[in-house]
Protein backbone atom coordinates (compact mmCIF):
# COMPACT_ATOMS: atom_id res chain seq x y z
CA MET A 1 44.08 -26.04 -16.30
CA ALA A 2 46.82 -27.65 -18.41
CA GLY A 3 44.73 -30.82 -18.72
CA TYR A 4 41.96 -28.89 -20.50
CA TYR A 5 43.80 -28.86 -23.81
CA ASP A 6 44.99 -32.45 -23.39
CA ARG A 7 41.41 -33.65 -23.02
CA ASP A 8 40.45 -31.85 -26.26
CA ARG A 9 43.28 -33.46 -28.19
CA ARG A 10 42.66 -36.97 -26.81
CA ASN A 11 39.18 -37.05 -28.35
CA ASP A 12 39.46 -38.84 -31.72
CA THR A 13 36.51 -36.88 -33.16
CA ILE A 14 38.24 -33.51 -32.78
CA THR A 15 41.04 -32.71 -35.20
CA PRO A 16 43.86 -30.33 -34.21
CA ALA A 17 42.47 -27.78 -36.69
CA GLY A 18 39.20 -27.72 -34.79
CA THR A 19 40.57 -27.04 -31.31
CA MET A 20 40.80 -23.73 -29.49
CA ASN A 21 44.18 -22.71 -30.94
CA HIS A 22 43.35 -23.50 -34.57
CA PRO A 23 39.92 -22.43 -35.84
CA MET A 24 38.38 -24.27 -38.80
CA THR A 25 38.42 -22.51 -42.17
CA HIS A 26 34.99 -21.33 -43.29
CA HIS A 27 33.34 -18.74 -45.54
CA GLY A 28 33.32 -16.06 -42.81
CA ASN A 29 36.98 -16.47 -41.82
CA THR A 30 38.56 -13.16 -42.91
CA SER A 31 42.15 -14.36 -42.79
CA GLU A 32 41.39 -16.99 -45.45
CA TYR A 33 40.37 -14.26 -47.91
CA MET A 34 43.27 -11.91 -47.26
CA VAL A 35 45.64 -14.13 -49.24
CA SER A 36 44.65 -16.27 -52.21
CA GLY A 37 47.20 -19.04 -52.05
CA TYR A 38 46.25 -21.12 -55.08
CA PRO A 39 46.24 -19.85 -58.68
CA PHE A 40 43.59 -21.16 -61.08
CA PHE A 41 43.67 -20.85 -64.89
CA GLU A 42 41.39 -22.51 -67.42
CA THR A 43 40.72 -21.90 -71.12
CA HIS A 44 37.35 -22.63 -72.74
CA THR A 45 37.03 -22.96 -76.53
CA ALA A 46 33.28 -23.63 -76.22
CA ASP A 47 30.58 -22.89 -73.65
CA GLY A 48 31.55 -24.40 -70.32
CA THR A 49 31.88 -24.12 -66.58
CA SER A 50 34.95 -23.66 -64.41
CA THR A 51 34.36 -25.40 -61.09
CA PHE A 52 37.03 -24.31 -58.66
CA GLY A 53 36.79 -26.84 -55.81
CA TYR A 54 37.59 -23.98 -53.42
CA VAL A 55 36.02 -20.56 -52.83
CA THR A 56 37.60 -17.72 -54.81
CA GLN A 57 39.03 -14.48 -53.52
CA TRP A 58 39.08 -12.87 -56.98
CA VAL A 59 38.14 -13.76 -60.57
CA CYS A 60 39.18 -12.34 -63.96
CA VAL A 61 37.91 -13.39 -67.42
CA SER A 62 39.44 -12.56 -70.80
CA ALA A 63 37.60 -12.84 -74.14
CA ILE A 64 39.62 -13.89 -77.18
CA GLY A 65 38.02 -13.38 -80.59
CA THR A 66 34.41 -13.30 -79.33
CA ASP A 67 32.19 -11.74 -76.69
CA VAL A 68 31.86 -13.84 -73.53
CA THR A 69 28.87 -13.85 -71.16
CA VAL A 70 29.85 -14.83 -67.62
CA THR A 71 27.46 -16.45 -65.12
CA ILE A 72 28.39 -16.86 -61.46
CA ASN A 73 27.40 -19.97 -59.41
CA GLY A 74 24.68 -20.92 -61.92
CA GLY A 75 22.67 -17.69 -61.42
CA ALA A 76 21.52 -15.08 -63.91
CA ALA A 77 24.00 -13.58 -66.40
CA ALA A 78 26.27 -11.33 -64.41
CA PHE A 79 28.30 -9.52 -67.08
CA THR A 80 29.62 -9.65 -70.64
CA VAL A 81 33.29 -9.32 -71.55
CA PRO A 82 33.72 -7.74 -75.03
CA SER A 83 35.94 -9.48 -77.56
CA GLY A 84 39.64 -8.70 -77.20
CA THR A 85 39.36 -7.35 -73.65
CA VAL A 86 39.95 -8.53 -70.11
CA SER A 87 37.44 -8.02 -67.32
CA PRO A 88 38.53 -6.16 -64.22
CA ARG A 89 39.66 -8.26 -61.30
CA PHE A 90 36.43 -8.92 -59.41
CA ASN A 91 36.89 -9.50 -55.69
CA PHE A 92 34.04 -11.84 -54.82
CA LYS A 93 33.48 -15.26 -53.35
CA CYS A 94 32.14 -17.96 -55.68
CA THR A 95 32.61 -21.66 -56.36
CA SER A 96 31.99 -21.83 -60.13
CA ILE A 97 31.75 -19.63 -63.21
CA SER A 98 30.05 -20.45 -66.50
CA VAL A 99 31.20 -18.86 -69.75
CA ASP A 100 29.09 -18.61 -72.90
CA LEU A 101 30.93 -17.68 -76.09
CA THR A 102 28.92 -15.68 -78.63
CA THR A 103 30.61 -17.57 -81.47
CA THR A 104 32.95 -20.55 -81.48
CA GLY A 105 35.69 -21.61 -83.82
CA THR A 106 39.41 -21.21 -84.37
CA GLY A 107 40.95 -18.42 -82.31
CA LYS A 108 37.87 -17.93 -80.13
CA ALA A 109 38.12 -18.66 -76.41
CA ALA A 110 37.49 -17.50 -72.87
CA CYS A 111 40.24 -17.63 -70.26
CA VAL A 112 39.28 -17.78 -66.59
CA ALA A 113 41.84 -16.81 -63.94
CA ALA A 114 41.13 -16.91 -60.21
CA GLY A 115 42.81 -16.80 -56.83
CA LEU A 116 41.55 -19.60 -54.60
CA THR A 117 41.38 -19.58 -50.81
CA ASN A 118 41.70 -22.53 -48.41
CA VAL A 119 37.91 -22.76 -48.00
CA LYS A 120 36.48 -25.79 -49.81
CA SER A 121 33.42 -25.35 -52.05
CA ALA A 122 31.40 -27.69 -49.85
CA ASP A 123 31.86 -25.29 -46.92
CA PHE A 124 30.40 -22.33 -48.86
CA PRO A 125 26.70 -21.73 -48.10
CA ASP A 126 24.08 -21.77 -50.87
CA ILE A 127 22.72 -18.21 -50.96
CA SER A 128 20.87 -18.49 -54.27
CA GLY A 129 17.49 -18.20 -52.51
CA PHE A 130 18.29 -14.77 -51.05
CA THR A 131 16.63 -11.69 -52.53
CA GLY A 132 18.97 -9.81 -54.89
CA VAL A 133 21.43 -12.63 -55.41
CA GLN A 134 20.34 -13.59 -58.92
């Protein structure tokens, strides 16, 4: 039985992370979402999109000097953050967030903070066609 694992590891197409002892990270892997290992911060002084590169565990948006409308993964407007406030910490999985500032100019911005998991954006399924997602 000891040769079973050796045969798996000798195959050049199987990486050590994909063998029996080390499962691949994916969007349904609970342990990946228990700890957000990478911090993400970005400031927008005009309308823009924060593309994370990894799937988020949580997201928080602050509005400085103007109201900010936040859109998740290119869908319908999800929520508005009033000027001078910070949104609650939302615990959801997403790969990008768009921010639309009501007005632009000096002292007006949106700050996006997020905790990123080890799951890459490419490994996150597109669920935009599901009922109730947008």
